[in-house]
Amino acid sequence: MRRLGEEFTAWSFFPNAGPYGKKGIPDIIGCIDGLFFAIEVKAGKEQPTELQQERLNCILDNGGIALHINDENFEEGFARLHDCIQEYESAQPALPRFGDRPHDVHTGEPHPVVRGKCR
């Protein structure tokens, strides 16, 4: 995630997987330059459970990026995520920016973004 955050404005978190978390939610959830993504991380050659795959499919169906990454496809998975982000950005109109801070297209007010991190 740090690698992607160096190139893109990224926000991500790791949802609570304990008894208070929702079952099947991917291990990493985030947003990069307006594109929602989710990553299910597995050790070794493990595959997502049926419920986890259902959640990943739901994210895909709603226009986000959803990936399953394990030890075998780690580098390939992050390369795919990177490629998807670049493709998304090239298809989007540029956001209006004043200085190095993006502004809300409706109000013209600056977004609370400082050096790629949200407040």
PDB file of N, CA and C in Angstrom:
ATOM      1  N   MET A   1       0.827  -1.185   0.000  1.00  0.00           N
ATOM      2  CA  MET A   1       0.000   0.000   0.000  1.00  0.00           C
ATOM      3  C   MET A   1       0.873   1.250   0.000  1.00  0.00           C
ATOM      4  N   ARG A   2       1.994   1.190   0.663  1.00  0.00           N
ATOM      5  CA  ARG A   2       2.876   2.358   0.664  1.00  0.00           C
ATOM      6  C   ARG A   2       3.350   2.689  -0.744  1.00  0.00           C
ATOM      7  N   ARG A   3       3.656   1.637  -1.515  1.00  0.00           N
ATOM      8  CA  ARG A   3       4.102   1.852  -2.899  1.00  0.00           C
ATOM      9  C   ARG A   3       3.055   2.617  -3.687  1.00  0.00           C
ATOM     10  N   LEU A   4       1.801   2.201  -3.573  1.00  0.00           N
ATOM     11  CA  LEU A   4       0.731   2.872  -4.310  1.00  0.00           C
ATOM     12  C   LEU A   4       0.513   4.282  -3.787  1.00  0.00           C
ATOM     13  N   GLY A   5       0.621   4.462  -2.472  1.00  0.00           N
ATOM     14  CA  GLY A   5       0.432   5.772  -1.864  1.00  0.00           C
ATOM     15  C   GLY A   5       1.479   6.786  -2.271  1.00  0.00           C
ATOM     16  N   GLU A   6       2.650   6.314  -2.688  1.00  0.00           N
ATOM     17  CA  GLU A   6       3.687   7.232  -3.147  1.00  0.00           C
ATOM     18  C   GLU A   6       3.356   7.801  -4.525  1.00  0.00           C
ATOM     19  N   GLU A   7       2.608   7.049  -5.316  1.00  0.00           N
ATOM     20  CA  GLU A   7       2.284   7.486  -6.673  1.00  0.00           C
ATOM     21  C   GLU A   7       0.902   8.117  -6.780  1.00  0.00           C
ATOM     22  N   PHE A   8      -0.035   7.654  -5.960  1.00  0.00           N
ATOM     23  CA  PHE A   8      -1.418   8.123  -6.024  1.00  0.00           C
ATOM     24  C   PHE A   8      -1.828   8.689  -4.667  1.00  0.00           C
ATOM     25  N   THR A   9      -2.883   9.519  -4.674  1.00  0.00           N
ATOM     26  CA  THR A   9      -3.480   9.970  -3.425  1.00  0.00           C
ATOM     27  C   THR A   9      -4.334   8.821  -2.902  1.00  0.00           C
ATOM     28  N   ALA A  10      -3.862   8.168  -1.861  1.00  0.00           N
ATOM     29  CA  ALA A  10      -4.508   6.941  -1.409  1.00  0.00           C
ATOM     30  C   ALA A  10      -4.973   7.037   0.037  1.00  0.00           C
ATOM     31  N   TRP A  11      -6.068   6.366   0.308  1.00  0.00           N
ATOM     32  CA  TRP A  11      -6.575   6.187   1.665  1.00  0.00           C
ATOM     33  C   TRP A  11      -6.938   4.723   1.785  1.00  0.00           C
ATOM     34  N   SER A  12      -6.518   4.073   2.853  1.00  0.00           N
ATOM     35  CA  SER A  12      -6.874   2.667   3.044  1.00  0.00           C
ATOM     36  C   SER A  12      -6.942   2.335   4.527  1.00  0.00           C
ATOM     37  N   PHE A  13      -7.639   1.250   4.839  1.00  0.00           N
ATOM     38  CA  PHE A  13      -7.689   0.768   6.216  1.00  0.00           C
ATOM     39  C   PHE A  13      -7.877  -0.737   6.209  1.00  0.00           C
ATOM     40  N   PHE A  14      -7.665  -1.326   7.368  1.00  0.00           N
ATOM     41  CA  PHE A  14      -7.782  -2.768   7.557  1.00  0.00           C
ATOM     42  C   PHE A  14      -8.938  -3.013   8.518  1.00  0.00           C
ATOM     43  N   PRO A  15     -10.101  -3.448   8.002  1.00  0.00           N
ATOM     44  CA  PRO A  15     -11.273  -3.632   8.853  1.00  0.00           C
ATOM     45  C   PRO A  15     -11.032  -4.653   9.972  1.00  0.00           C
ATOM     46  N   ASN A  16     -11.738  -4.457  11.072  1.00  0.00           N
ATOM     47  CA  ASN A  16     -11.669  -5.362  12.210  1.00  0.00           C
ATOM     48  C   ASN A  16     -12.256  -6.712  11.826  1.00  0.00           C
ATOM     49  N   ALA A  17     -11.460  -7.758  11.955  1.00  0.00           N
ATOM     50  CA  ALA A  17     -11.924  -9.093  11.581  1.00  0.00           C
ATOM     51  C   ALA A  17     -12.402  -9.886  12.787  1.00  0.00           C
ATOM     52  N   GLY A  18     -12.409  -9.294  13.947  1.00  0.00           N
ATOM     53  CA  GLY A  18     -12.799  -9.993  15.173  1.00  0.00           C
ATOM     54  C   GLY A  18     -14.304 -10.161  15.298  1.00  0.00           C
ATOM     55  N   PRO A  19     -14.763 -10.414  16.509  1.00  0.00           N
ATOM     56  CA  PRO A  19     -16.193 -10.671  16.723  1.00  0.00           C
ATOM     57  C   PRO A  19     -17.083  -9.460  16.441  1.00  0.00           C
ATOM     58  N   TYR A  20     -16.498  -8.264  16.349  1.00  0.00           N
ATOM     59  CA  TYR A  20     -17.293  -7.061  16.100  1.00  0.00           C
ATOM     60  C   TYR A  20     -17.288  -6.643  14.637  1.00  0.00           C
ATOM     61  N   GLY A  21     -16.535  -7.336  13.815  1.00  0.00           N
ATOM     62  CA  GLY A  21     -16.474  -7.024  12.390  1.00  0.00           C
ATOM     63  C   GLY A  21     -17.537  -7.786  11.616  1.00  0.00           C
ATOM     64  N   LYS A  22     -17.784  -7.354  10.380  1.00  0.00           N
ATOM     65  CA  LYS A  22     -18.749  -8.020   9.509  1.00  0.00           C
ATOM     66  C   LYS A  22     -18.046  -9.136   8.744  1.00  0.00           C
ATOM     67  N   LYS A  23     -18.638 -10.302   8.700  1.00  0.00           N
ATOM     68  CA  LYS A  23     -18.023 -11.460   8.045  1.00  0.00           C
ATOM     69  C   LYS A  23     -17.904 -11.240   6.536  1.00  0.00           C
ATOM     70  N   GLY A  24     -16.790 -11.718   5.980  1.00  0.00           N
ATOM     71  CA  GLY A  24     -16.595 -11.685   4.539  1.00  0.00           C
ATOM     72  C   GLY A  24     -16.023 -10.405   3.969  1.00  0.00           C
ATOM     73  N   ILE A  25     -15.837  -9.385   4.817  1.00  0.00           N
ATOM     74  CA  ILE A  25     -15.302  -8.111   4.338  1.00  0.00           C
ATOM     75  C   ILE A  25     -13.825  -8.301   3.992  1.00  0.00           C
ATOM     76  N   PRO A  26     -13.372  -7.778   2.845  1.00  0.00           N
ATOM     77  CA  PRO A  26     -11.965  -7.932   2.459  1.00  0.00           C
ATOM     78  C   PRO A  26     -11.005  -7.356   3.505  1.00  0.00           C
ATOM     79  N   ASP A  27      -9.774  -7.829   3.478  1.00  0.00           N
ATOM     80  CA  ASP A  27      -8.770  -7.447   4.470  1.00  0.00           C
ATOM     81  C   ASP A  27      -8.283  -6.011   4.331  1.00  0.00           C
ATOM     82  N   ILE A  28      -8.281  -5.486   3.119  1.00  0.00           N
ATOM     83  CA  ILE A  28      -7.848  -4.110   2.878  1.00  0.00           C
ATOM     84  C   ILE A  28      -8.935  -3.415   2.065  1.00  0.00           C
ATOM     85  N   ILE A  29      -9.361  -2.255   2.546  1.00  0.00           N
ATOM     86  CA  ILE A  29     -10.376  -1.444   1.871  1.00  0.00           C
ATOM     87  C   ILE A  29      -9.754  -0.074   1.649  1.00  0.00           C
ATOM     88  N   GLY A  30      -9.988   0.512   0.485  1.00  0.00           N
ATOM     89  CA  GLY A  30      -9.420   1.829   0.269  1.00  0.00           C
ATOM     90  C   GLY A  30      -9.986   2.556  -0.926  1.00  0.00           C
ATOM     91  N   CYS A  31      -9.432   3.727  -1.137  1.00  0.00           N
ATOM     92  CA  CYS A  31      -9.837   4.575  -2.245  1.00  0.00           C
ATOM     93  C   CYS A  31      -8.583   5.277  -2.750  1.00  0.00           C
ATOM     94  N   ILE A  32      -8.354   5.195  -4.045  1.00  0.00           N
ATOM     95  CA  ILE A  32      -7.205   5.843  -4.665  1.00  0.00           C
ATOM     96  C   ILE A  32      -7.717   6.760  -5.762  1.00  0.00           C
ATOM     97  N   ASP A  33      -7.500   8.051  -5.571  1.00  0.00           N
ATOM     98  CA  ASP A  33      -7.920   9.052  -6.550  1.00  0.00           C
ATOM     99  C   ASP A  33      -9.372   8.857  -6.995  1.00  0.00           C
ATOM    100  N   GLY A  34     -10.250   8.525  -6.042  1.00  0.00           N
ATOM    101  CA  GLY A  34     -11.669   8.387  -6.329  1.00  0.00           C
ATOM    102  C   GLY A  34     -12.119   7.005  -6.728  1.00  0.00           C
ATOM    103  N   LEU A  35     -11.227   6.041  -6.790  1.00  0.00           N
ATOM    104  CA  LEU A  35     -11.580   4.678  -7.185  1.00  0.00           C
ATOM    105  C   LEU A  35     -11.539   3.763  -5.966  1.00  0.00           C
ATOM    106  N   PHE A  36     -12.681   3.151  -5.646  1.00  0.00           N
ATOM    107  CA  PHE A  36     -12.792   2.254  -4.500  1.00  0.00           C
ATOM    108  C   PHE A  36     -12.130   0.921  -4.825  1.00  0.00           C
ATOM    109  N   PHE A  37     -11.390   0.376  -3.868  1.00  0.00           N
ATOM    110  CA  PHE A  37     -10.785  -0.943  -4.062  1.00  0.00           C
ATOM    111  C   PHE A  37     -10.856  -1.760  -2.782  1.00  0.00           C
ATOM    112  N   ALA A  38     -10.809  -3.076  -2.964  1.00  0.00           N
ATOM    113  CA  ALA A  38     -10.797  -4.011  -1.835  1.00  0.00           C
ATOM    114  C   ALA A  38      -9.877  -5.171  -2.191  1.00  0.00           C
ATOM    115  N   ILE A  39      -9.115  -5.615  -1.203  1.00  0.00           N
ATOM    116  CA  ILE A  39      -8.175  -6.706  -1.421  1.00  0.00           C
ATOM    117  C   ILE A  39      -8.373  -7.762  -0.342  1.00  0.00           C
ATOM    118  N   GLU A  40      -8.581  -8.986  -0.769  1.00  0.00           N
ATOM    119  CA  GLU A  40      -8.622 -10.132   0.142  1.00  0.00           C
ATOM    120  C   GLU A  40      -7.238 -10.761   0.107  1.00  0.00           C
ATOM    121  N   VAL A  41      -6.572 -10.823   1.250  1.00  0.00           N
ATOM    122  CA  VAL A  41      -5.208 -11.333   1.335  1.00  0.00           C
ATOM    123  C   VAL A  41      -5.240 -12.718   1.986  1.00  0.00           C
ATOM    124  N   LYS A  42      -4.583 -13.665   1.340  1.00  0.00           N
ATOM    125  CA  LYS A  42      -4.519 -15.034   1.853  1.00  0.00           C
ATOM    126  C   LYS A  42      -3.073 -15.503   1.900  1.00  0.00           C
ATOM    127  N   ALA A  43      -2.772 -16.371   2.838  1.00  0.00           N
ATOM    128  CA  ALA A  43      -1.431 -16.953   2.946  1.00  0.00           C
ATOM    129  C   ALA A  43      -1.309 -18.140   1.987  1.00  0.00           C
ATOM    130  N   GLY A  44      -0.087 -18.388   1.557  1.00  0.00           N
ATOM    131  CA  GLY A  44       0.176 -19.550   0.700  1.00  0.00           C
ATOM    132  C   GLY A  44      -0.630 -19.516  -0.576  1.00  0.00           C
ATOM    133  N   LYS A  45      -1.290 -20.644  -0.857  1.00  0.00           N
ATOM    134  CA  LYS A  45      -2.120 -20.762  -2.061  1.00  0.00           C
ATOM    135  C   LYS A  45      -3.609 -20.658  -1.743  1.00  0.00           C
ATOM    136  N   GLU A  46      -3.933 -20.228  -0.526  1.00  0.00           N
ATOM    137  CA  GLU A  46      -5.322 -20.178  -0.085  1.00  0.00           C
ATOM    138  C   GLU A  46      -6.193 -19.321  -1.003  1.00  0.00           C
ATOM    139  N   GLN A  47      -7.456 -19.682  -1.075  1.00  0.00           N
ATOM    140  CA  GLN A  47      -8.449 -18.977  -1.880  1.00  0.00           C
ATOM    141  C   GLN A  47      -9.490 -18.351  -0.948  1.00  0.00           C
ATOM    142  N   PRO A  48     -10.213 -17.313  -1.410  1.00  0.00           N
ATOM    143  CA  PRO A  48     -11.277 -16.729  -0.586  1.00  0.00           C
ATOM    144  C   PRO A  48     -12.388 -17.740  -0.317  1.00  0.00           C
ATOM    145  N   THR A  49     -13.042 -17.572   0.819  1.00  0.00           N
ATOM    146  CA  THR A  49     -14.213 -18.393   1.107  1.00  0.00           C
ATOM    147  C   THR A  49     -15.340 -17.985   0.165  1.00  0.00           C
ATOM    148  N   GLU A  50     -16.406 -18.748   0.164  1.00  0.00           N
ATOM    149  CA  GLU A  50     -17.556 -18.428  -0.694  1.00  0.00           C
ATOM    150  C   GLU A  50     -18.111 -17.043  -0.356  1.00  0.00           C
ATOM    151  N   LEU A  51     -18.228 -16.735   0.941  1.00  0.00           N
ATOM    152  CA  LEU A  51     -18.752 -15.440   1.357  1.00  0.00           C
ATOM    153  C   LEU A  51     -17.794 -14.305   0.960  1.00  0.00           C
ATOM    154  N   GLN A  52     -16.499 -14.515   1.144  1.00  0.00           N
ATOM    155  CA  GLN A  52     -15.525 -13.496   0.744  1.00  0.00           C
ATOM    156  C   GLN A  52     -15.580 -13.240  -0.755  1.00  0.00           C
ATOM    157  N   GLN A  53     -15.696 -14.298  -1.547  1.00  0.00           N
ATOM    158  CA  GLN A  53     -15.784 -14.135  -2.999  1.00  0.00           C
ATOM    159  C   GLN A  53     -17.065 -13.407  -3.387  1.00  0.00           C
ATOM    160  N   GLU A  54     -18.150 -13.691  -2.663  1.00  0.00           N
ATOM    161  CA  GLU A  54     -19.416 -12.999  -2.908  1.00  0.00           C
ATOM    162  C   GLU A  54     -19.258 -11.493  -2.675  1.00  0.00           C
ATOM    163  N   ARG A  55     -18.562 -11.121  -1.599  1.00  0.00           N
ATOM    164  CA  ARG A  55     -18.330  -9.696  -1.300  1.00  0.00           C
ATOM    165  C   ARG A  55     -17.453  -9.053  -2.379  1.00  0.00           C
ATOM    166  N   LEU A  56     -16.400  -9.765  -2.812  1.00  0.00           N
ATOM    167  CA  LEU A  56     -15.536  -9.237  -3.875  1.00  0.00           C
ATOM    168  C   LEU A  56     -16.338  -9.023  -5.156  1.00  0.00           C
ATOM    169  N   ASN A  57     -17.205  -9.971  -5.493  1.00  0.00           N
ATOM    170  CA  ASN A  57     -18.046  -9.849  -6.696  1.00  0.00           C
ATOM    171  C   ASN A  57     -18.992  -8.661  -6.587  1.00  0.00           C
ATOM    172  N   CYS A  58     -19.537  -8.421  -5.398  1.00  0.00           N
ATOM    173  CA  CYS A  58     -20.437  -7.287  -5.183  1.00  0.00           C
ATOM    174  C   CYS A  58     -19.697  -5.968  -5.424  1.00  0.00           C
ATOM    175  N   ILE A  59     -18.459  -5.893  -4.958  1.00  0.00           N
ATOM    176  CA  ILE A  59     -17.655  -4.690  -5.172  1.00  0.00           C
ATOM    177  C   ILE A  59     -17.394  -4.487  -6.660  1.00  0.00           C
ATOM    178  N   LEU A  60     -17.041  -5.562  -7.362  1.00  0.00           N
ATOM    179  CA  LEU A  60     -16.833  -5.487  -8.813  1.00  0.00           C
ATOM    180  C   LEU A  60     -18.098  -5.039  -9.531  1.00  0.00           C
ATOM    181  N   ASP A  61     -19.242  -5.603  -9.125  1.00  0.00           N
ATOM    182  CA  ASP A  61     -20.520  -5.272  -9.753  1.00  0.00           C
ATOM    183  C   ASP A  61     -20.892  -3.802  -9.573  1.00  0.00           C
ATOM    184  N   ASN A  62     -20.323  -3.171  -8.534  1.00  0.00           N
ATOM    185  CA  ASN A  62     -20.639  -1.775  -8.251  1.00  0.00           C
ATOM    186  C   ASN A  62     -19.548  -0.812  -8.698  1.00  0.00           C
ATOM    187  N   GLY A  63     -18.647  -1.283  -9.563  1.00  0.00           N
ATOM    188  CA  GLY A  63     -17.664  -0.402 -10.177  1.00  0.00           C
ATOM    189  C   GLY A  63     -16.347  -0.256  -9.447  1.00  0.00           C
ATOM    190  N   GLY A  64     -16.150  -1.004  -8.362  1.00  0.00           N
ATOM    191  CA  GLY A  64     -14.875  -0.947  -7.648  1.00  0.00           C
ATOM    192  C   GLY A  64     -13.903  -1.989  -8.181  1.00  0.00           C
ATOM    193  N   ILE A  65     -12.716  -1.969  -7.637  1.00  0.00           N
ATOM    194  CA  ILE A  65     -11.717  -2.981  -7.948  1.00  0.00           C
ATOM    195  C   ILE A  65     -11.683  -3.947  -6.779  1.00  0.00           C
ATOM    196  N   ALA A  66     -11.730  -5.235  -7.066  1.00  0.00           N
ATOM    197  CA  ALA A  66     -11.679  -6.249  -6.016  1.00  0.00           C
ATOM    198  C   ALA A  66     -10.675  -7.312  -6.431  1.00  0.00           C
ATOM    199  N   LEU A  67      -9.709  -7.558  -5.556  1.00  0.00           N
ATOM    200  CA  LEU A  67      -8.656  -8.507  -5.862  1.00  0.00           C
ATOM    201  C   LEU A  67      -8.480  -9.518  -4.746  1.00  0.00           C
ATOM    202  N   HIS A  68      -8.050 -10.703  -5.128  1.00  0.00           N
ATOM    203  CA  HIS A  68      -7.616 -11.725  -4.181  1.00  0.00           C
ATOM    204  C   HIS A  68      -6.115 -11.858  -4.388  1.00  0.00           C
ATOM    205  N   ILE A  69      -5.352 -11.652  -3.329  1.00  0.00           N
ATOM    206  CA  ILE A  69      -3.903 -11.746  -3.425  1.00  0.00           C
ATOM    207  C   ILE A  69      -3.404 -12.783  -2.430  1.00  0.00           C
ATOM    208  N   ASN A  70      -2.509 -13.670  -2.891  1.00  0.00           N
ATOM    209  CA  ASN A  70      -1.862 -14.627  -1.995  1.00  0.00           C
ATOM    210  C   ASN A  70      -0.369 -14.653  -2.301  1.00  0.00           C
ATOM    211  N   ASP A  71       0.342 -15.564  -1.656  1.00  0.00           N
ATOM    212  CA  ASP A  71       1.798 -15.615  -1.839  1.00  0.00           C
ATOM    213  C   ASP A  71       2.195 -15.861  -3.292  1.00  0.00           C
ATOM    214  N   GLU A  72       1.372 -16.592  -4.029  1.00  0.00           N
ATOM    215  CA  GLU A  72       1.708 -16.925  -5.419  1.00  0.00           C
ATOM    216  C   GLU A  72       1.533 -15.761  -6.387  1.00  0.00           C
ATOM    217  N   ASN A  73       0.562 -14.881  -6.128  1.00  0.00           N
ATOM    218  CA  ASN A  73       0.268 -13.823  -7.100  1.00  0.00           C
ATOM    219  C   ASN A  73       0.420 -12.414  -6.524  1.00  0.00           C
ATOM    220  N   PHE A  74       1.214 -12.272  -5.469  1.00  0.00           N
ATOM    221  CA  PHE A  74       1.338 -10.993  -4.775  1.00  0.00           C
ATOM    222  C   PHE A  74       1.767  -9.861  -5.702  1.00  0.00           C
ATOM    223  N   GLU A  75       2.911 -10.010  -6.357  1.00  0.00           N
ATOM    224  CA  GLU A  75       3.412  -8.948  -7.241  1.00  0.00           C
ATOM    225  C   GLU A  75       2.476  -8.718  -8.423  1.00  0.00           C
ATOM    226  N   GLU A  76       1.978  -9.797  -8.993  1.00  0.00           N
ATOM    227  CA  GLU A  76       1.047  -9.693 -10.124  1.00  0.00           C
ATOM    228  C   GLU A  76      -0.238  -8.976  -9.700  1.00  0.00           C
ATOM    229  N   GLY A  77      -0.724  -9.279  -8.496  1.00  0.00           N
ATOM    230  CA  GLY A  77      -1.947  -8.655  -7.998  1.00  0.00           C
ATOM    231  C   GLY A  77      -1.806  -7.151  -7.836  1.00  0.00           C
ATOM    232  N   PHE A  78      -0.702  -6.714  -7.226  1.00  0.00           N
ATOM    233  CA  PHE A  78      -0.502  -5.280  -7.064  1.00  0.00           C
ATOM    234  C   PHE A  78      -0.235  -4.595  -8.403  1.00  0.00           C
ATOM    235  N   ALA A  79       0.402  -5.302  -9.328  1.00  0.00           N
ATOM    236  CA  ALA A  79       0.599  -4.748 -10.675  1.00  0.00           C
ATOM    237  C   ALA A  79      -0.757  -4.552 -11.360  1.00  0.00           C
ATOM    238  N   ARG A  80      -1.679  -5.516 -11.176  1.00  0.00           N
ATOM    239  CA  ARG A  80      -3.034  -5.384 -11.743  1.00  0.00           C
ATOM    240  C   ARG A  80      -3.762  -4.195 -11.134  1.00  0.00           C
ATOM    241  N   LEU A  81      -3.645  -4.026  -9.816  1.00  0.00           N
ATOM    242  CA  LEU A  81      -4.285  -2.893  -9.155  1.00  0.00           C
ATOM    243  C   LEU A  81      -3.728  -1.583  -9.705  1.00  0.00           C
ATOM    244  N   HIS A  82      -2.436  -1.503  -9.835  1.00  0.00           N
ATOM    245  CA  HIS A  82      -1.778  -0.315 -10.384  1.00  0.00           C
ATOM    246  C   HIS A  82      -2.281  -0.020 -11.796  1.00  0.00           C
ATOM    247  N   ASP A  83      -2.348  -1.048 -12.633  1.00  0.00           N
ATOM    248  CA  ASP A  83      -2.825  -0.874 -14.011  1.00  0.00           C
ATOM    249  C   ASP A  83      -4.274  -0.404 -14.049  1.00  0.00           C
ATOM    250  N   CYS A  84      -5.120  -0.965 -13.181  1.00  0.00           N
ATOM    251  CA  CYS A  84      -6.533  -0.554 -13.126  1.00  0.00           C
ATOM    252  C   CYS A  84      -6.657   0.912 -12.736  1.00  0.00           C
ATOM    253  N   ILE A  85      -5.852   1.344 -11.774  1.00  0.00           N
ATOM    254  CA  ILE A  85      -5.893   2.742 -11.338  1.00  0.00           C
ATOM    255  C   ILE A  85      -5.459   3.665 -12.473  1.00  0.00           C
ATOM    256  N   GLN A  86      -4.384   3.317 -13.156  1.00  0.00           N
ATOM    257  CA  GLN A  86      -3.922   4.153 -14.264  1.00  0.00           C
ATOM    258  C   GLN A  86      -4.963   4.216 -15.381  1.00  0.00           C
ATOM    259  N   GLU A  87      -5.592   3.091 -15.688  1.00  0.00           N
ATOM    260  CA  GLU A  87      -6.634   3.066 -16.720  1.00  0.00           C
ATOM    261  C   GLU A  87      -7.812   3.944 -16.303  1.00  0.00           C
ATOM    262  N   TYR A  88      -8.220   3.839 -15.028  1.00  0.00           N
ATOM    263  CA  TYR A  88      -9.318   4.644 -14.500  1.00  0.00           C
ATOM    264  C   TYR A  88      -8.988   6.132 -14.614  1.00  0.00           C
ATOM    265  N   GLU A  89      -7.780   6.505 -14.184  1.00  0.00           N
ATOM    266  CA  GLU A  89      -7.397   7.916 -14.204  1.00  0.00           C
ATOM    267  C   GLU A  89      -7.324   8.476 -15.624  1.00  0.00           C
ATOM    268  N   SER A  90      -6.869   7.673 -16.566  1.00  0.00           N
ATOM    269  CA  SER A  90      -6.761   8.169 -17.940  1.00  0.00           C
ATOM    270  C   SER A  90      -8.138   8.372 -18.573  1.00  0.00           C
ATOM    271  N   ALA A  91      -9.162   7.701 -18.050  1.00  0.00           N
ATOM    272  CA  ALA A  91     -10.517   7.819 -18.595  1.00  0.00           C
ATOM    273  C   ALA A  91     -11.323   8.926 -17.912  1.00  0.00           C
ATOM    274  N   GLN A  92     -10.812   9.490 -16.816  1.00  0.00           N
ATOM    275  CA  GLN A  92     -11.548  10.486 -16.045  1.00  0.00           C
ATOM    276  C   GLN A  92     -11.100  11.890 -16.420  1.00  0.00           C
ATOM    277  N   PRO A  93     -12.033  12.839 -16.414  1.00  0.00           N
ATOM    278  CA  PRO A  93     -11.606  14.230 -16.606  1.00  0.00           C
ATOM    279  C   PRO A  93     -10.781  14.661 -15.397  1.00  0.00           C
ATOM    280  N   ALA A  94      -9.833  15.542 -15.611  1.00  0.00           N
ATOM    281  CA  ALA A  94      -8.984  16.009 -14.520  1.00  0.00           C
ATOM    282  C   ALA A  94      -9.816  16.787 -13.506  1.00  0.00           C
ATOM    283  N   LEU A  95      -9.560  16.564 -12.226  1.00  0.00           N
ATOM    284  CA  LEU A  95     -10.234  17.323 -11.178  1.00  0.00           C
ATOM    285  C   LEU A  95      -9.655  18.737 -11.135  1.00  0.00           C
ATOM    286  N   PRO A  96     -10.511  19.723 -10.878  1.00  0.00           N
ATOM    287  CA  PRO A  96      -9.964  21.073 -10.760  1.00  0.00           C
ATOM    288  C   PRO A  96      -9.064  21.154  -9.532  1.00  0.00           C
ATOM    289  N   ARG A  97      -7.881  21.691  -9.697  1.00  0.00           N
ATOM    290  CA  ARG A  97      -6.931  21.813  -8.586  1.00  0.00           C
ATOM    291  C   ARG A  97      -6.399  23.235  -8.529  1.00  0.00           C
ATOM    292  N   PHE A  98      -6.226  23.706  -7.326  1.00  0.00           N
ATOM    293  CA  PHE A  98      -5.674  25.034  -7.094  1.00  0.00           C
ATOM    294  C   PHE A  98      -4.470  24.827  -6.183  1.00  0.00           C
ATOM    295  N   GLY A  99      -3.273  25.082  -6.693  1.00  0.00           N
ATOM    296  CA  GLY A  99      -2.071  24.741  -5.945  1.00  0.00           C
ATOM    297  C   GLY A  99      -1.951  23.224  -5.950  1.00  0.00           C
ATOM    298  N   ASP A 100      -1.677  22.642  -4.807  1.00  0.00           N
ATOM    299  CA  ASP A 100      -1.572  21.183  -4.763  1.00  0.00           C
ATOM    300  C   ASP A 100      -2.736  20.560  -4.017  1.00  0.00           C
ATOM    301  N   ARG A 101      -3.804  21.324  -3.801  1.00  0.00           N
ATOM    302  CA  ARG A 101      -4.958  20.796  -3.082  1.00  0.00           C
ATOM    303  C   ARG A 101      -6.175  20.739  -3.988  1.00  0.00           C
ATOM    304  N   PRO A 102      -6.861  19.596  -4.071  1.00  0.00           N
ATOM    305  CA  PRO A 102      -8.073  19.524  -4.884  1.00  0.00           C
ATOM    306  C   PRO A 102      -9.195  20.330  -4.242  1.00  0.00           C
ATOM    307  N   HIS A 103     -10.065  20.847  -5.070  1.00  0.00           N
ATOM    308  CA  HIS A 103     -11.212  21.609  -4.600  1.00  0.00           C
ATOM    309  C   HIS A 103     -12.487  20.893  -5.006  1.00  0.00           C
ATOM    310  N   ASP A 104     -13.523  21.085  -4.198  1.00  0.00           N
ATOM    311  CA  ASP A 104     -14.824  20.503  -4.488  1.00  0.00           C
ATOM    312  C   ASP A 104     -15.374  21.143  -5.749  1.00  0.00           C
ATOM    313  N   VAL A 105     -15.796  20.322  -6.713  1.00  0.00           N
ATOM    314  CA  VAL A 105     -16.270  20.864  -7.984  1.00  0.00           C
ATOM    315  C   VAL A 105     -17.589  21.617  -7.836  1.00  0.00           C
ATOM    316  N   HIS A 106     -18.337  21.376  -6.750  1.00  0.00           N
ATOM    317  CA  HIS A 106     -19.624  22.036  -6.565  1.00  0.00           C
ATOM    318  C   HIS A 106     -19.502  23.348  -5.792  1.00  0.00           C
ATOM    319  N   THR A 107     -18.699  23.351  -4.738  1.00  0.00           N
ATOM    320  CA  THR A 107     -18.616  24.541  -3.891  1.00  0.00           C
ATOM    321  C   THR A 107     -17.374  25.381  -4.130  1.00  0.00           C
ATOM    322  N   GLY A 108     -16.335  24.797  -4.732  1.00  0.00           N
ATOM    323  CA  GLY A 108     -15.080  25.513  -4.914  1.00  0.00           C
ATOM    324  C   GLY A 108     -14.215  25.537  -3.673  1.00  0.00           C
ATOM    325  N   GLU A 109     -14.730  24.940  -2.563  1.00  0.00           N
ATOM    326  CA  GLU A 109     -13.972  24.903  -1.313  1.00  0.00           C
ATOM    327  C   GLU A 109     -12.896  23.833  -1.367  1.00  0.00           C
ATOM    328  N   PRO A 110     -11.753  24.067  -0.711  1.00  0.00           N
ATOM    329  CA  PRO A 110     -10.704  23.045  -0.714  1.00  0.00           C
ATOM    330  C   PRO A 110     -11.128  21.809   0.077  1.00  0.00           C
ATOM    331  N   HIS A 111     -10.756  20.647  -0.452  1.00  0.00           N
ATOM    332  CA  HIS A 111     -10.949  19.412   0.294  1.00  0.00           C
ATOM    333  C   HIS A 111      -9.917  19.360   1.409  1.00  0.00           C
ATOM    334  N   PRO A 112     -10.241  18.717   2.533  1.00  0.00           N
ATOM    335  CA  PRO A 112      -9.260  18.631   3.624  1.00  0.00           C
ATOM    336  C   PRO A 112      -8.190  17.567   3.346  1.00  0.00           C
ATOM    337  N   VAL A 113      -7.415  17.771   2.304  1.00  0.00           N
ATOM    338  CA  VAL A 113      -6.360  16.828   1.938  1.00  0.00           C
ATOM    339  C   VAL A 113      -5.017  17.511   2.136  1.00  0.00           C
ATOM    340  N   VAL A 114      -4.153  16.879   2.887  1.00  0.00           N
ATOM    341  CA  VAL A 114      -2.822  17.426   3.121  1.00  0.00           C
ATOM    342  C   VAL A 114      -1.810  16.338   2.825  1.00  0.00           C
ATOM    343  N   ARG A 115      -0.984  16.556   1.796  1.00  0.00           N
ATOM    344  CA  ARG A 115       0.049  15.598   1.402  1.00  0.00           C
ATOM    345  C   ARG A 115      -0.488  14.180   1.233  1.00  0.00           C
ATOM    346  N   GLY A 116      -1.632  14.050   0.582  1.00  0.00           N
ATOM    347  CA  GLY A 116      -2.178  12.749   0.271  1.00  0.00           C
ATOM    348  C   GLY A 116      -2.879  12.064   1.427  1.00  0.00           C
ATOM    349  N   LYS A 117      -3.028  12.723   2.554  1.00  0.00           N
ATOM    350  CA  LYS A 117      -3.689  12.100   3.699  1.00  0.00           C
ATOM    351  C   LYS A 117      -4.961  12.880   4.025  1.00  0.00           C
ATOM    352  N   CYS A 118      -6.015  12.162   4.352  1.00  0.00           N
ATOM    353  CA  CYS A 118      -7.280  12.814   4.703  1.00  0.00           C
ATOM    354  C   CYS A 118      -7.288  13.148   6.186  1.00  0.00           C
ATOM    355  N   ARG A 119      -7.933  14.232   6.518  1.00  0.00           N
ATOM    356  CA  ARG A 119      -8.080  14.607   7.928  1.00  0.00           C
ATOM    357  C   ARG A 119      -9.263  13.916   8.520  1.00  0.00           C
TER     358      ARG A 119
END
